[in-house]
């Protein structure tokens, strides 16, 4: 345990940041998961889900919640999966 006043304050702040970051990261993962589920189910709101997930990823990277390269990688994979699902959908309808 810290003994000095500044160290105690730093500990409190780091604990608060940890809880907030944990919550933000969890909701980010949920958003990405929802986009993946929408792509797999080929529901009508795939584009909107992917767009909102990409936006959340960008915001998380900007806040240093995740690494910017990880955000770019996840966005790329979501877009690639959405495009593949969209390309396969008309082929199935024929």
Protein backbone atom coordinates (compact mmCIF):
# COMPACT_ATOMS: atom_id res chain seq x y z
CA UNK A 1 0.00 0.00 0.00
CA UNK A 2 1.22 3.50 -0.71
CA UNK A 3 2.12 5.70 2.20
CA UNK A 4 2.45 9.12 0.64
CA UNK A 5 -0.59 11.23 -0.18
CA UNK A 6 0.29 11.59 -3.87
CA UNK A 7 0.86 7.85 -4.19
CA UNK A 8 -2.52 7.12 -2.60
CA UNK A 9 -4.20 9.50 -5.03
CA UNK A 10 -2.37 7.91 -7.96
CA UNK A 11 -3.56 4.48 -6.82
CA UNK A 12 -7.17 5.68 -6.62
CA UNK A 13 -6.97 7.24 -10.07
CA UNK A 14 -5.41 4.16 -11.63
CA UNK A 15 -8.13 1.95 -10.14
CA UNK A 16 -10.84 4.24 -11.50
CA UNK A 17 -9.21 4.30 -14.94
CA UNK A 18 -8.88 0.51 -14.88
CA UNK A 19 -12.59 0.02 -14.20
CA UNK A 20 -13.61 2.52 -16.87
CA UNK A 21 -11.23 1.02 -19.44
CA UNK A 22 -12.45 -2.47 -18.61
CA UNK A 23 -16.06 -1.44 -19.18
CA UNK A 24 -15.23 0.39 -22.42
CA UNK A 25 -13.22 -2.56 -23.74
CA UNK A 26 -16.04 -4.96 -22.90
CA UNK A 27 -18.65 -2.89 -24.73
CA UNK A 28 -16.28 -2.55 -27.67
CA UNK A 29 -15.92 -6.33 -27.88
CA UNK A 30 -19.72 -6.68 -27.72
CA UNK A 31 -20.12 -4.21 -30.58
CA UNK A 32 -17.63 -6.13 -32.74
CA UNK A 33 -19.33 -9.41 -31.83
CA UNK A 34 -22.74 -8.00 -32.82
CA UNK A 35 -21.31 -6.97 -36.18
CA UNK A 36 -19.91 -10.47 -36.73
CA UNK A 37 -23.26 -12.04 -35.80
CA UNK A 38 -25.08 -9.70 -38.20
CA UNK A 39 -22.66 -10.67 -40.99
CA UNK A 40 -23.15 -14.38 -40.34
CA UNK A 41 -26.93 -14.07 -40.13
CA UNK A 42 -26.99 -11.81 -43.21
CA UNK A 43 -29.53 -9.51 -41.62
CA UNK A 44 -30.50 -6.25 -43.27
CA UNK A 45 -28.48 -4.02 -40.95
CA UNK A 46 -25.04 -5.50 -41.70
CA UNK A 47 -23.66 -2.26 -43.13
CA UNK A 48 -24.90 -0.25 -40.16
CA UNK A 49 -23.47 -2.74 -37.64
CA UNK A 50 -20.07 -2.76 -39.37
CA UNK A 51 -20.06 1.02 -39.62
CA UNK A 52 -20.85 1.51 -35.92
CA UNK A 53 -18.28 -1.13 -34.91
CA UNK A 54 -15.64 0.60 -37.04
CA UNK A 55 -16.50 3.92 -35.43
CA UNK A 56 -16.19 2.46 -31.94
CA UNK A 57 -12.85 0.87 -32.87
CA UNK A 58 -11.53 4.21 -34.11
CA UNK A 59 -12.62 5.96 -30.92
CA UNK A 60 -11.03 3.25 -28.76
CA UNK A 61 -7.76 3.54 -30.68
CA UNK A 62 -7.84 7.32 -30.34
CA UNK A 63 -8.21 6.99 -26.55
CA UNK A 64 -5.36 4.42 -26.40
CA UNK A 65 -7.82 1.81 -25.19
CA UNK A 66 -6.52 -0.54 -27.89
CA UNK A 67 -3.57 -0.27 -30.24
CA UNK A 68 -4.31 1.60 -33.48
CA UNK A 69 -3.03 -1.31 -35.56
CA UNK A 70 -5.41 -3.67 -33.77
CA UNK A 71 -8.31 -1.34 -34.56
CA UNK A 72 -7.26 -1.22 -38.22
CA UNK A 73 -6.91 -5.00 -38.34
CA UNK A 74 -10.35 -5.62 -36.82
CA UNK A 75 -11.98 -3.05 -39.11
CA UNK A 76 -10.36 -4.65 -42.13
CA UNK A 77 -11.51 -8.12 -41.14
CA UNK A 78 -15.06 -6.94 -40.51
CA UNK A 79 -15.22 -5.14 -43.85
CA UNK A 80 -13.76 -8.13 -45.68
CA UNK A 81 -16.27 -10.49 -44.06
CA UNK A 82 -19.17 -8.13 -44.83
CA UNK A 83 -18.10 -7.83 -48.48
CA UNK A 84 -17.73 -11.59 -48.80
CA UNK A 85 -21.17 -12.14 -47.29
CA UNK A 86 -22.69 -9.54 -49.61
CA UNK A 87 -21.04 -11.15 -52.63
CA UNK A 88 -22.22 -14.64 -51.63
CA UNK A 89 -25.79 -13.51 -50.91
CA UNK A 90 -26.89 -12.86 -54.55
CA UNK A 91 -25.30 -16.14 -55.63
CA UNK A 92 -27.47 -18.01 -53.13
CA UNK A 93 -30.64 -16.22 -54.25
CA UNK A 94 -30.21 -17.31 -57.87
